[in-house]
Amino acid sequence: MGIMDFVKGGVREMMIARPDRFKNLIVYKHPDQNVPFWSQLTVDSDECALFFKDGKYVGYLPPGRHTLQTQNIPFLNNLINSFTGGDVFIAEIYFVKMQPIRSVPFGGPLESMEDPILYEFVTPRIFGEFSLVVTDPVRFVIGYHGQAAGAQDNDLILNWIKGLFFMSVKTVIGQMCAQTGKSLLNLGGMSMEISGRIQQSAPNLDEIGVKILQIGNFNINFAADDQKRLTEANKARAEARRGVGIAADTARAQQFQLDQKFQQDARYVQNLAGSPAWNNYAAGQAMMGAGEGMAKGGGSTGVAQLGAQAAIGMGMAHNMMQPQFQQPYAQPQQPQQPQQPQQAAGAQSVEARLQKLASLKQQGLISDEDFNARKAKILEEI
């Protein structure tokens, strides 16, 4: 019996409710848009009823039994059809289940993704099951209306939700890899964390007023080719990082040796500064450097020769300043002038005394004042 039969026959009431055979549906749409005044609308305890007209949301009724009249439901004034004398409402009525829907299985590949660490394009695969709840029925119906809401089929609705769920998983995985600096290859051990992130915020599902309550048996893996590609890329990256680490350790060890050598030389310089032994130390260091350069050969030969020459020159200068350690040079015998024997001997004696006096000053055994005074006294004898 149609709605016009109710109007013509003067029937004032009509019972509207979700049929028992459709109790399992997430969204059930009442098939008739013509609803007479005084109709009795029953909303189950796990659902709500939404009224739409011309594709726009008009009003909401919570669980319970409602008599459709403008006195107790003001928004019905926007639904009155004047053609029938004001006895009929024109509206689309949707019953939306608000109770959690559990154990929804999912599985399949995500879209191709670039690994942020290994720079390889792969296609992750996810499997498991989730439970969901409609948190915003108005947004859910508006976002879903015109696609499958009137198909009276949960599979169509859940498949659509699963598609958005997959997009949310991809978004969350991308965010986690960017924030933690980890490869997609490491996601297998992060299933719990990924599940928690999806439950907290799944952006694509939030747009349609749906929330994931729980994810169970969540698993993420890759096809054999993708797994091999990621493994090889990760191995190459590990070898490169190992080489960098070894080079860094070698550089630190060399720097440590240089620092120790510098500290040791600094102590020697401090202890030897101003003493004759400094020349011996400097000459020895130059000779050691020259020896190392000669042992290396090649481009170091010129440096080694310079070091050797510097060491020899420093040694000769040091020996010249300390005649007491010097072997006398054998001069050829010259016939002495008989008329001036004392004068030659006296001149040689003065020279030797001045050299000895200079050596004493160099060794720090006499002060500058004593050196000048004794030098003047020796020169007076000439």
Protein backbone atom coordinates (compact mmCIF):
# COMPACT_ATOMS: atom_id res chain seq x y z
CA MET A 1 0.00 0.00 0.00
CA GLY A 2 1.49 3.38 -1.09
CA ILE A 3 1.66 6.62 0.82
CA MET A 4 -1.16 8.20 -1.20
CA ASP A 5 -3.42 5.34 -0.14
CA PHE A 6 -2.71 6.27 3.48
CA VAL A 7 -3.55 9.91 2.77
CA LYS A 8 -6.71 9.20 0.79
CA GLY A 9 -7.91 6.71 3.33
CA GLY A 10 -7.44 9.17 6.16
CA VAL A 11 -4.96 6.97 7.97
CA ARG A 12 -3.01 9.17 10.33
CA GLU A 13 -0.19 6.86 11.43
CA MET A 14 2.55 4.85 9.82
CA MET A 15 5.24 2.72 11.50
CA ILE A 16 8.83 3.46 10.38
CA ALA A 17 11.79 1.41 11.64
CA ARG A 18 14.78 -0.61 10.44
CA PRO A 19 13.58 -4.08 9.37
CA ASP A 20 15.01 -7.03 11.27
CA ARG A 21 16.72 -8.44 8.19
CA PHE A 22 18.76 -5.21 7.91
CA LYS A 23 19.82 -4.95 11.54
CA ASN A 24 23.45 -5.79 10.65
CA LEU A 25 23.88 -2.95 8.17
CA ILE A 26 26.06 0.01 9.06
CA VAL A 27 23.76 2.31 7.10
CA TYR A 28 20.14 1.57 6.24
CA LYS A 29 18.13 3.98 4.09
CA HIS A 30 14.35 4.01 4.45
CA PRO A 31 12.97 3.25 0.98
CA ASP A 32 10.11 5.82 0.96
CA GLN A 33 10.76 9.58 1.09
CA ASN A 34 7.06 10.41 1.70
CA VAL A 35 6.32 10.20 5.41
CA PRO A 36 2.81 11.12 6.77
CA PHE A 37 2.26 13.24 9.84
CA TRP A 38 1.92 11.34 13.12
CA SER A 39 4.03 8.45 11.88
CA GLN A 40 5.79 6.50 14.58
CA LEU A 41 9.58 6.37 14.04
CA THR A 42 11.49 3.78 16.10
CA VAL A 43 15.27 4.15 16.46
CA ASP A 44 17.15 1.21 18.01
CA SER A 45 19.47 1.69 20.96
CA ASP A 46 22.63 1.18 18.85
CA GLU A 47 21.74 3.64 16.08
CA CYS A 48 20.48 7.11 15.20
CA ALA A 49 18.16 8.48 12.51
CA LEU A 50 19.19 11.31 10.15
CA PHE A 51 16.86 13.39 7.98
CA PHE A 52 18.00 14.84 4.66
CA LYS A 53 16.16 16.88 2.04
CA ASP A 54 17.50 17.73 -1.41
CA GLY A 55 20.91 16.37 -0.41
CA LYS A 56 21.16 18.61 2.67
CA TYR A 57 21.16 17.53 6.31
CA VAL A 58 18.06 18.71 8.19
CA GLY A 59 17.87 16.95 11.57
CA TYR A 60 18.78 14.10 13.90
CA LEU A 61 16.80 11.79 16.18
CA PRO A 62 18.40 9.69 18.96
CA PRO A 63 17.40 6.16 20.03
CA GLY A 64 13.73 5.79 21.09
CA ARG A 65 10.21 6.04 19.67
CA HIS A 66 9.29 9.37 18.12
CA THR A 67 5.96 10.71 16.85
CA LEU A 68 6.64 12.76 13.75
CA GLN A 69 4.89 16.07 14.28
CA THR A 70 6.13 19.64 14.14
CA GLN A 71 5.12 20.40 17.73
CA ASN A 72 7.75 18.17 19.29
CA ILE A 73 10.23 18.01 16.36
CA PRO A 74 10.65 21.58 15.04
CA PHE A 75 13.00 20.74 12.16
CA LEU A 76 10.13 18.81 10.50
CA ASN A 77 8.69 22.17 9.38
CA ASN A 78 11.41 22.22 6.73
CA LEU A 79 10.15 18.90 5.36
CA ILE A 80 6.40 19.58 4.94
CA ASN A 81 4.97 18.95 1.48
CA SER A 82 2.28 21.56 0.81
CA PHE A 83 1.00 19.60 -2.21
CA THR A 84 -0.64 17.06 0.10
CA GLY A 85 -2.24 19.71 2.25
CA GLY A 86 0.57 19.65 4.82
CA ASP A 87 -0.09 16.05 5.85
CA VAL A 88 3.17 14.57 4.46
CA PHE A 89 6.87 15.11 5.10
CA ILE A 90 9.33 14.75 2.21
CA ALA A 91 12.66 13.44 3.51
CA GLU A 92 15.39 10.84 3.12
CA ILE A 93 15.78 8.93 6.40
CA TYR A 94 19.04 7.13 7.17
CA PHE A 95 19.52 4.78 10.10
CA VAL A 96 23.23 4.76 11.05
CA LYS A 97 24.63 2.16 13.42
CA MET A 98 26.67 3.75 16.26
CA GLN A 99 27.76 0.49 17.86
CA PRO A 100 31.37 -0.69 17.19
CA ILE A 101 31.76 -3.08 14.28
CA ARG A 102 34.40 -5.68 15.11
CA SER A 103 36.67 -8.17 13.34
CA VAL A 104 36.70 -6.54 9.94
CA PRO A 105 39.44 -8.35 7.97
CA PHE A 106 41.75 -6.47 5.61
CA GLY A 107 44.73 -7.35 3.45
CA GLY A 108 46.53 -6.39 0.27
CA PRO A 109 49.22 -4.14 -1.19
CA LEU A 110 49.54 -0.45 -0.52
CA GLU A 111 50.50 1.92 -3.29
CA SER A 112 54.15 2.15 -4.37
CA MET A 113 56.28 4.06 -1.84
CA GLU A 114 59.85 5.36 -1.88
CA ASP A 115 61.97 4.23 1.03
CA PRO A 116 63.17 7.48 2.68
CA ILE A 117 66.48 5.91 3.72
CA LEU A 118 67.34 3.42 0.96
CA TYR A 119 65.71 5.40 -1.90
CA GLU A 120 64.09 2.31 -3.42
CA PHE A 121 60.48 2.17 -4.65
CA VAL A 122 58.60 -0.78 -3.17
CA THR A 123 55.00 -1.79 -2.48
CA PRO A 124 54.36 -2.77 1.16
CA ARG A 125 51.62 -5.30 1.91
CA ILE A 126 49.46 -5.18 5.07
CA PHE A 127 47.20 -7.80 6.66
CA GLY A 128 45.09 -8.04 9.80
CA GLU A 129 41.69 -7.04 11.12
CA PHE A 130 40.24 -3.94 12.73
CA SER A 131 37.19 -2.73 14.61
CA LEU A 132 35.61 0.64 13.85
CA VAL A 133 32.86 2.93 15.02
CA VAL A 134 31.00 5.78 13.34
CA THR A 135 31.79 8.87 15.41
CA ASP A 136 30.06 11.44 13.22
CA PRO A 137 27.02 9.94 11.46
CA VAL A 138 26.19 13.14 9.59
CA ARG A 139 29.68 13.41 8.14
CA PHE A 140 29.66 9.69 7.37
CA VAL A 141 26.39 9.84 5.39
CA ILE A 142 27.33 13.06 3.61
CA GLY A 143 30.74 11.70 2.70
CA TYR A 144 29.31 8.37 1.62
CA HIS A 145 25.97 9.39 0.09
CA GLY A 146 25.65 8.71 -3.63
CA GLN A 147 28.20 5.87 -3.60
CA ALA A 148 26.73 2.86 -1.80
CA ALA A 149 24.67 4.03 1.15
CA GLY A 150 21.45 2.87 -0.44
CA ALA A 151 22.80 -0.45 -1.65
CA GLN A 152 21.81 -2.27 1.57
CA ASP A 153 25.14 -4.10 1.45
CA ASN A 154 27.76 -4.00 4.20
CA ASP A 155 30.48 -5.33 1.93
CA LEU A 156 30.25 -2.29 -0.34
CA ILE A 157 30.44 0.05 2.63
CA LEU A 158 33.33 -1.84 4.29
CA ASN A 159 35.29 -2.11 1.05
CA TRP A 160 35.03 1.63 0.64
CA ILE A 161 36.17 2.13 4.25
CA LYS A 162 39.04 -0.33 3.71
CA GLY A 163 40.23 1.70 0.76
CA LEU A 164 40.41 4.82 2.93
CA PHE A 165 41.99 2.73 5.70
CA PHE A 166 44.80 1.68 3.33
CA MET A 167 45.41 5.30 2.41
CA SER A 168 45.58 6.16 6.12
CA VAL A 169 48.08 3.36 6.76
CA LYS A 170 50.28 4.65 3.96
CA THR A 171 50.11 8.17 5.38
CA VAL A 172 51.01 6.98 8.90
CA ILE A 173 53.90 4.83 7.62
CA GLY A 174 55.31 7.76 5.65
CA GLN A 175 55.08 10.03 8.70
CA MET A 176 56.77 7.47 10.97
CA CYS A 177 59.65 6.86 8.55
CA ALA A 178 60.20 10.61 8.20
CA GLN A 179 60.08 11.23 11.95
CA THR A 180 62.19 8.25 13.07
CA GLY A 181 64.62 8.18 10.12
CA LYS A 182 64.02 4.46 9.61
CA SER A 183 63.73 2.42 6.46
CA LEU A 184 60.58 0.61 5.35
CA LEU A 185 62.61 -2.52 5.97
CA ASN A 186 62.40 -1.80 9.72
CA LEU A 187 58.60 -1.56 9.79
CA GLY A 188 58.17 -5.29 10.42
CA GLY A 189 59.26 -4.77 14.02
CA MET A 190 57.11 -1.68 14.48
CA SER A 191 53.66 -3.25 14.06
CA MET A 192 52.42 -2.23 17.51
CA GLU A 193 53.58 1.34 17.06
CA ILE A 194 52.01 1.59 13.62
CA SER A 195 48.74 0.19 14.98
CA GLY A 196 48.76 2.75 17.78
CA ARG A 197 49.39 5.63 15.38
CA ILE A 198 46.53 4.52 13.11
CA GLN A 199 44.15 4.23 16.07
CA GLN A 200 45.10 7.70 17.31
CA SER A 201 44.87 9.43 13.98
CA ALA A 202 43.84 8.03 10.63
CA PRO A 203 43.37 11.23 8.58
CA ASN A 204 41.46 9.71 5.68
CA LEU A 205 38.94 8.04 7.99
CA ASP A 206 38.48 11.14 10.10
CA GLU A 207 37.23 12.94 7.00
CA ILE A 208 34.17 10.65 6.87
CA GLY A 209 33.52 10.49 10.64
CA VAL A 210 34.89 6.99 11.28
CA LYS A 211 37.40 5.96 13.94
CA ILE A 212 39.50 2.80 14.16
CA LEU A 213 39.12 1.39 17.67
CA GLN A 214 41.51 -1.54 17.51
CA ILE A 215 43.80 -3.33 15.06
CA GLY A 216 44.59 -6.99 15.56
CA ASN A 217 47.10 -9.36 13.99
CA PHE A 218 48.63 -6.48 12.07
CA ASN A 219 51.40 -7.56 9.72
CA ILE A 220 53.42 -5.67 7.13
CA ASN A 221 55.69 -7.37 4.60
CA PHE A 222 57.00 -7.17 1.05
CA ALA A 223 56.98 -9.27 -2.08
CA ALA A 224 60.14 -11.32 -2.66
CA ASP A 225 61.56 -8.90 -5.24
CA ASP A 226 60.93 -5.86 -3.04
CA GLN A 227 62.41 -7.62 -0.01
CA LYS A 228 65.56 -8.51 -1.98
CA ARG A 229 65.91 -4.97 -3.33
CA LEU A 230 65.63 -3.43 0.13
CA THR A 231 68.01 -5.98 1.68
CA GLU A 232 70.72 -5.36 -0.92
CA ALA A 233 70.34 -1.59 -0.63
CA ASN A 234 70.56 -1.83 3.14
CA LYS A 235 73.70 -3.99 2.90
CA ALA A 236 75.39 -1.45 0.62
CA ARG A 237 74.43 1.35 2.98
CA ALA A 238 75.83 -0.57 5.95
CA GLU A 239 79.16 -1.11 4.16
CA ALA A 240 79.38 2.59 3.35
CA ARG A 241 78.61 3.56 6.94
CA ARG A 242 81.18 1.02 8.18
CA GLY A 243 83.83 2.60 5.95
CA VAL A 244 82.97 6.06 7.24
CA GLY A 245 83.15 4.79 10.82
CA ILE A 246 86.56 3.17 10.30
CA ALA A 247 87.92 6.33 8.68
CA ALA A 248 86.60 8.42 11.56
CA ASP A 249 88.16 6.08 14.16
CA THR A 250 91.50 6.16 12.32
CA ALA A 251 91.44 9.95 12.18
CA ARG A 252 90.68 10.14 15.91
CA ALA A 253 93.53 7.73 16.71
CA GLN A 254 95.97 9.77 14.63
CA GLN A 255 94.80 12.97 16.27
CA PHE A 256 95.29 11.38 19.69
CA GLN A 257 98.90 10.44 18.78
CA LEU A 258 99.58 13.98 17.56
CA ASP A 259 98.14 15.44 20.74
CA GLN A 260 100.31 13.16 22.89
CA LYS A 261 103.40 14.03 20.85
CA PHE A 262 102.62 17.72 21.11
CA GLN A 263 102.23 17.54 24.91
CA GLN A 264 105.47 15.58 25.24
CA ASP A 265 107.38 18.03 23.04
CA ALA A 266 105.89 20.94 24.98
CA ARG A 267 107.27 19.51 28.25
CA TYR A 268 110.72 18.98 26.70
CA VAL A 269 110.79 22.48 25.28
CA GLN A 270 109.79 23.95 28.62
CA ASN A 271 112.52 22.02 30.45
CA LEU A 272 115.26 22.62 27.86
CA ALA A 273 114.53 26.19 26.85
CA GLY A 274 117.58 28.42 27.37
CA SER A 275 120.01 25.53 27.92
CA PRO A 276 122.68 24.16 25.52
CA ALA A 277 120.93 20.77 25.51
CA TRP A 278 118.12 22.32 23.44
CA ASN A 279 120.33 22.32 20.36
CA ASN A 280 121.00 18.61 20.77
CA TYR A 281 117.26 17.87 21.14
CA ALA A 282 116.31 19.96 18.11
CA ALA A 283 119.02 18.35 16.01
CA GLY A 284 117.87 14.90 17.07
CA GLN A 285 114.26 15.65 16.15
CA ALA A 286 115.34 16.92 12.76
CA MET A 287 117.38 13.79 12.13
CA MET A 288 114.43 11.56 13.12
CA GLY A 289 112.16 13.42 10.72
CA ALA A 290 114.74 13.13 7.97
CA GLY A 291 115.06 9.40 8.58
CA GLU A 292 111.31 8.88 8.35
CA GLY A 293 111.18 10.86 5.12
CA MET A 294 114.01 8.84 3.57
CA ALA A 295 112.28 5.59 4.57
CA LYS A 296 109.08 6.67 2.78
CA GLY A 297 110.96 7.68 -0.39
CA GLY A 298 109.23 9.19 -3.41
CA GLY A 299 108.03 12.72 -2.90
CA SER A 300 109.45 12.81 0.63
CA THR A 301 113.12 12.57 -0.51
CA GLY A 302 113.58 16.32 -0.88
CA VAL A 303 112.09 16.93 2.54
CA ALA A 304 114.33 14.26 4.03
CA GLN A 305 117.43 15.86 2.51
CA LEU A 306 116.42 19.26 3.87
CA GLY A 307 115.86 17.70 7.30
CA ALA A 308 119.27 16.01 7.20
CA GLN A 309 120.98 19.21 6.12
CA ALA A 310 119.23 21.16 8.86
CA ALA A 311 120.23 18.58 11.46
CA ILE A 312 123.89 18.58 10.30
CA GLY A 313 123.97 22.37 10.24
CA MET A 314 122.52 22.61 13.74
CA GLY A 315 124.99 20.03 15.01
CA MET A 316 127.94 21.87 13.48
CA ALA A 317 126.77 25.16 14.94
CA HIS A 318 126.42 23.56 18.34
CA ASN A 319 129.91 22.06 18.15
CA MET A 320 131.39 25.39 17.12
CA MET A 321 129.93 26.94 20.23
CA GLN A 322 131.51 24.24 22.46
CA PRO A 323 135.21 23.95 21.54
CA GLN A 324 136.05 21.86 24.63
CA PHE A 325 134.48 18.83 22.93
CA GLN A 326 136.26 19.51 19.66
CA GLN A 327 139.32 17.58 18.49
CA PRO A 328 142.28 19.88 17.73
CA TYR A 329 142.85 20.46 14.07
CA ALA A 330 146.33 19.37 12.98
CA GLN A 331 148.01 22.38 11.35
CA PRO A 332 151.13 21.89 9.25
CA GLN A 333 154.27 22.84 11.08
CA GLN A 334 155.49 26.30 10.16
CA PRO A 335 158.92 27.61 11.05
CA GLN A 336 158.49 30.07 13.85
CA GLN A 337 160.10 33.43 13.77
CA PRO A 338 162.84 33.31 16.32
CA GLN A 339 162.67 37.02 16.92
CA GLN A 340 158.96 36.92 18.23
CA PRO A 341 158.31 33.61 20.11
CA GLN A 342 156.62 35.23 23.13
CA GLN A 343 154.34 37.41 21.02
CA ALA A 344 152.83 34.43 19.10
CA ALA A 345 152.36 32.41 22.24
CA GLY A 346 150.73 35.36 23.96
CA ALA A 347 148.28 35.94 21.11
CA GLN A 348 147.28 32.26 21.05
CA SER A 349 146.75 32.29 24.81
CA VAL A 350 144.46 35.34 24.62
CA GLU A 351 142.31 33.76 21.87
CA ALA A 352 141.89 30.51 23.78
CA ARG A 353 140.94 32.39 26.93
CA LEU A 354 138.30 34.43 25.09
CA GLN A 355 136.81 31.24 23.55
CA LYS A 356 136.68 29.58 26.93
CA LEU A 357 135.08 32.68 28.45
CA ALA A 358 132.40 32.68 25.71
CA SER A 359 131.72 28.98 26.31
CA LEU A 360 131.19 29.61 30.03
CA LYS A 361 128.74 32.37 29.26
CA GLN A 362 126.86 30.16 26.77
CA GLN A 363 126.51 27.42 29.38
CA GLY A 364 125.12 29.93 31.84
CA LEU A 365 127.99 29.53 34.28
CA ILE A 366 128.79 33.26 34.37
CA SER A 367 126.63 36.33 34.06
CA ASP A 368 126.83 38.99 31.38
CA GLU A 369 128.52 41.39 33.80
CA ASP A 370 131.21 38.86 34.68
CA PHE A 371 131.74 38.03 31.02
CA ASN A 372 132.22 41.71 30.06
CA ALA A 373 134.52 42.40 33.00
CA ARG A 374 136.76 39.37 32.33
CA LYS A 375 136.77 40.05 28.59
CA ALA A 376 137.96 43.62 29.17
CA LYS A 377 140.70 42.42 31.51
CA ILE A 378 141.98 39.89 28.98
CA LEU A 379 142.00 42.48 26.21
CA GLU A 380 144.06 44.86 28.38
CA GLU A 381 146.90 42.34 28.26
CA ILE A 382 147.27 42.60 24.49
